[in-house]
Amino acid sequence: MGLIGGMARTAVVAGTATAVSNRVSRRQANRWAAKDQQQYEAQAYEQQQAYDQQQAYAPQPQQVYAAPPPQPAAPAQDDMITQLQKLGDLKAAGVLTEEEFAAQKAKILGS
């Protein structure tokens, strides 16, 4: 076995050792990651349980209901009377005919 054969064997051994070392490193990293994930999930579960217990014993806030909004005001009688007076004044001044006066009066009275 010559110099080249010895170098080739060394290269194969070194390559195999590197591959094995990398595989071991990856497996360890995966195991640690899985262990960390399990710890994280267990901690999150415990925190959720503690929160749920705290909420179960916490005093519940009283429900406060708002007052209903005020009803819209009905048209005021005074406003209707004022409109009818203005309409009568327009008729007396000759601006409105008897038919126009009657039509506007019916509109104001809602009939």
C-alpha atoms as a PDB file:
ATOM      1  CA  MET A   1       0.000   0.000   0.000  1.00  0.00           C
ATOM      2  CA  GLY A   2       1.542   3.182  -1.115  1.00  0.00           C
ATOM      3  CA  LEU A   3       1.307   6.772  -0.168  1.00  0.00           C
ATOM      4  CA  ILE A   4      -1.869   7.347  -2.145  1.00  0.00           C
ATOM      5  CA  GLY A   5      -3.577   4.310  -0.587  1.00  0.00           C
ATOM      6  CA  GLY A   6      -2.716   5.528   2.909  1.00  0.00           C
ATOM      7  CA  MET A   7      -4.036   8.991   2.122  1.00  0.00           C
ATOM      8  CA  ALA A   8      -7.208   7.535   0.659  1.00  0.00           C
ATOM      9  CA  ARG A   9      -7.779   5.410   3.729  1.00  0.00           C
ATOM     10  CA  THR A  10      -7.208   8.415   5.998  1.00  0.00           C
ATOM     11  CA  ALA A  11      -9.671  10.453   3.967  1.00  0.00           C
ATOM     12  CA  VAL A  12     -12.324   7.729   4.208  1.00  0.00           C
ATOM     13  CA  VAL A  13     -11.825   7.348   7.954  1.00  0.00           C
ATOM     14  CA  ALA A  14     -11.902  11.111   8.507  1.00  0.00           C
ATOM     15  CA  GLY A  15     -15.027  11.479   6.349  1.00  0.00           C
ATOM     16  CA  THR A  16     -16.775   8.659   8.180  1.00  0.00           C
ATOM     17  CA  ALA A  17     -15.820  10.131  11.553  1.00  0.00           C
ATOM     18  CA  THR A  18     -17.147  13.540  10.508  1.00  0.00           C
ATOM     19  CA  ALA A  19     -20.415  12.067   9.272  1.00  0.00           C
ATOM     20  CA  VAL A  20     -20.882  10.065  12.478  1.00  0.00           C
ATOM     21  CA  SER A  21     -20.001  13.076  14.624  1.00  0.00           C
ATOM     22  CA  ASN A  22     -22.491  15.269  12.762  1.00  0.00           C
ATOM     23  CA  ARG A  23     -25.210  12.655  13.109  1.00  0.00           C
ATOM     24  CA  VAL A  24     -24.617  12.343  16.862  1.00  0.00           C
ATOM     25  CA  SER A  25     -24.700  16.131  17.215  1.00  0.00           C
ATOM     26  CA  ARG A  26     -27.992  16.378  15.308  1.00  0.00           C
ATOM     27  CA  ARG A  27     -29.585  13.621  17.378  1.00  0.00           C
ATOM     28  CA  GLN A  28     -28.519  15.281  20.626  1.00  0.00           C
ATOM     29  CA  ALA A  29     -29.807  18.644  19.424  1.00  0.00           C
ATOM     30  CA  ASN A  30     -33.149  17.061  18.454  1.00  0.00           C
ATOM     31  CA  ARG A  31     -33.434  15.357  21.846  1.00  0.00           C
ATOM     32  CA  TRP A  32     -32.695  18.598  23.685  1.00  0.00           C
ATOM     33  CA  ALA A  33     -35.170  20.483  21.530  1.00  0.00           C
ATOM     34  CA  ALA A  34     -37.860  17.880  22.226  1.00  0.00           C
ATOM     35  CA  LYS A  35     -37.092  18.010  25.955  1.00  0.00           C
ATOM     36  CA  ASP A  36     -37.256  21.828  25.914  1.00  0.00           C
ATOM     37  CA  GLN A  37     -40.561  21.672  24.017  1.00  0.00           C
ATOM     38  CA  GLN A  38     -42.035  19.266  26.570  1.00  0.00           C
ATOM     39  CA  GLN A  39     -40.939  21.517  29.428  1.00  0.00           C
ATOM     40  CA  TYR A  40     -42.422  24.541  27.685  1.00  0.00           C
ATOM     41  CA  GLU A  41     -45.745  22.766  27.100  1.00  0.00           C
ATOM     42  CA  ALA A  42     -45.863  21.531  30.713  1.00  0.00           C
ATOM     43  CA  GLN A  43     -45.171  25.042  31.996  1.00  0.00           C
ATOM     44  CA  ALA A  44     -47.835  26.536  29.735  1.00  0.00           C
ATOM     45  CA  TYR A  45     -50.342  23.901  30.930  1.00  0.00           C
ATOM     46  CA  GLU A  46     -49.555  24.647  34.583  1.00  0.00           C
ATOM     47  CA  GLN A  47     -49.938  28.384  33.999  1.00  0.00           C
ATOM     48  CA  GLN A  48     -53.292  27.843  32.299  1.00  0.00           C
ATOM     49  CA  GLN A  49     -54.479  25.670  35.193  1.00  0.00           C
ATOM     50  CA  ALA A  50     -53.409  28.308  37.735  1.00  0.00           C
ATOM     51  CA  TYR A  51     -55.178  31.018  35.729  1.00  0.00           C
ATOM     52  CA  ASP A  52     -58.346  28.924  35.481  1.00  0.00           C
ATOM     53  CA  GLN A  53     -58.343  28.335  39.245  1.00  0.00           C
ATOM     54  CA  GLN A  54     -57.778  32.018  39.877  1.00  0.00           C
ATOM     55  CA  GLN A  55     -60.686  32.920  37.609  1.00  0.00           C
ATOM     56  CA  ALA A  56     -62.947  30.353  39.265  1.00  0.00           C
ATOM     57  CA  TYR A  57     -62.484  31.965  42.677  1.00  0.00           C
ATOM     58  CA  ALA A  58     -62.298  35.577  41.562  1.00  0.00           C
ATOM     59  CA  PRO A  59     -65.351  37.707  42.300  1.00  0.00           C
ATOM     60  CA  GLN A  60     -67.447  38.196  39.216  1.00  0.00           C
ATOM     61  CA  PRO A  61     -68.099  41.805  38.220  1.00  0.00           C
ATOM     62  CA  GLN A  62     -71.657  43.002  38.552  1.00  0.00           C
ATOM     63  CA  GLN A  63     -73.487  43.462  35.292  1.00  0.00           C
ATOM     64  CA  VAL A  64     -74.396  47.109  34.839  1.00  0.00           C
ATOM     65  CA  TYR A  65     -77.187  47.907  32.459  1.00  0.00           C
ATOM     66  CA  ALA A  66     -77.416  51.263  30.780  1.00  0.00           C
ATOM     67  CA  ALA A  67     -80.637  53.189  30.852  1.00  0.00           C
ATOM     68  CA  PRO A  68     -82.614  52.940  27.626  1.00  0.00           C
ATOM     69  CA  PRO A  69     -82.132  55.885  25.311  1.00  0.00           C
ATOM     70  CA  PRO A  70     -84.783  58.564  25.607  1.00  0.00           C
ATOM     71  CA  GLN A  71     -87.706  58.256  23.240  1.00  0.00           C
ATOM     72  CA  PRO A  72     -87.816  60.846  20.476  1.00  0.00           C
ATOM     73  CA  ALA A  73     -90.080  63.687  21.420  1.00  0.00           C
ATOM     74  CA  ALA A  74     -93.464  63.749  19.734  1.00  0.00           C
ATOM     75  CA  PRO A  75     -94.119  66.800  17.578  1.00  0.00           C
ATOM     76  CA  ALA A  76     -95.055  69.569  19.925  1.00  0.00           C
ATOM     77  CA  GLN A  77     -98.587  70.907  19.860  1.00  0.00           C
ATOM     78  CA  ASP A  78     -97.193  74.439  20.008  1.00  0.00           C
ATOM     79  CA  ASP A  79     -95.165  73.832  16.840  1.00  0.00           C
ATOM     80  CA  MET A  80     -98.266  72.573  15.018  1.00  0.00           C
ATOM     81  CA  ILE A  81    -100.292  75.556  16.173  1.00  0.00           C
ATOM     82  CA  THR A  82     -97.539  77.946  15.072  1.00  0.00           C
ATOM     83  CA  GLN A  83     -97.452  76.372  11.606  1.00  0.00           C
ATOM     84  CA  LEU A  84    -101.226  76.609  11.285  1.00  0.00           C
ATOM     85  CA  GLN A  85    -101.136  80.279  12.318  1.00  0.00           C
ATOM     86  CA  LYS A  86     -98.482  81.050   9.700  1.00  0.00           C
ATOM     87  CA  LEU A  87    -100.533  79.181   7.114  1.00  0.00           C
ATOM     88  CA  GLY A  88    -103.637  81.228   8.096  1.00  0.00           C
ATOM     89  CA  ASP A  89    -101.639  84.441   7.767  1.00  0.00           C
ATOM     90  CA  LEU A  90    -100.488  83.442   4.267  1.00  0.00           C
ATOM     91  CA  LYS A  91    -104.098  82.717   3.280  1.00  0.00           C
ATOM     92  CA  ALA A  92    -105.300  86.011   4.748  1.00  0.00           C
ATOM     93  CA  ALA A  93    -102.547  87.857   2.856  1.00  0.00           C
ATOM     94  CA  GLY A  94    -103.768  86.265  -0.365  1.00  0.00           C
ATOM     95  CA  VAL A  95    -100.619  84.273  -0.991  1.00  0.00           C
ATOM     96  CA  LEU A  96    -102.426  80.917  -0.729  1.00  0.00           C
ATOM     97  CA  THR A  97    -105.692  79.879  -2.363  1.00  0.00           C
ATOM     98  CA  GLU A  98    -108.380  78.019  -0.445  1.00  0.00           C
ATOM     99  CA  GLU A  99    -107.281  74.693  -2.019  1.00  0.00           C
ATOM    100  CA  GLU A 100    -103.567  75.243  -1.209  1.00  0.00           C
ATOM    101  CA  PHE A 101    -104.484  76.226   2.350  1.00  0.00           C
ATOM    102  CA  ALA A 102    -106.582  73.055   2.786  1.00  0.00           C
ATOM    103  CA  ALA A 103    -103.804  70.838   1.362  1.00  0.00           C
ATOM    104  CA  GLN A 104    -101.113  72.326   3.642  1.00  0.00           C
ATOM    105  CA  LYS A 105    -103.429  72.191   6.654  1.00  0.00           C
ATOM    106  CA  ALA A 106    -104.102  68.486   6.019  1.00  0.00           C
ATOM    107  CA  LYS A 107    -100.346  67.869   5.746  1.00  0.00           C
ATOM    108  CA  ILE A 108     -99.667  69.581   9.074  1.00  0.00           C
ATOM    109  CA  LEU A 109    -102.501  67.771  10.868  1.00  0.00           C
ATOM    110  CA  GLY A 110    -101.431  64.440   9.363  1.00  0.00           C
ATOM    111  CA  SER A 111    -104.776  63.581   7.889  1.00  0.00           C
END
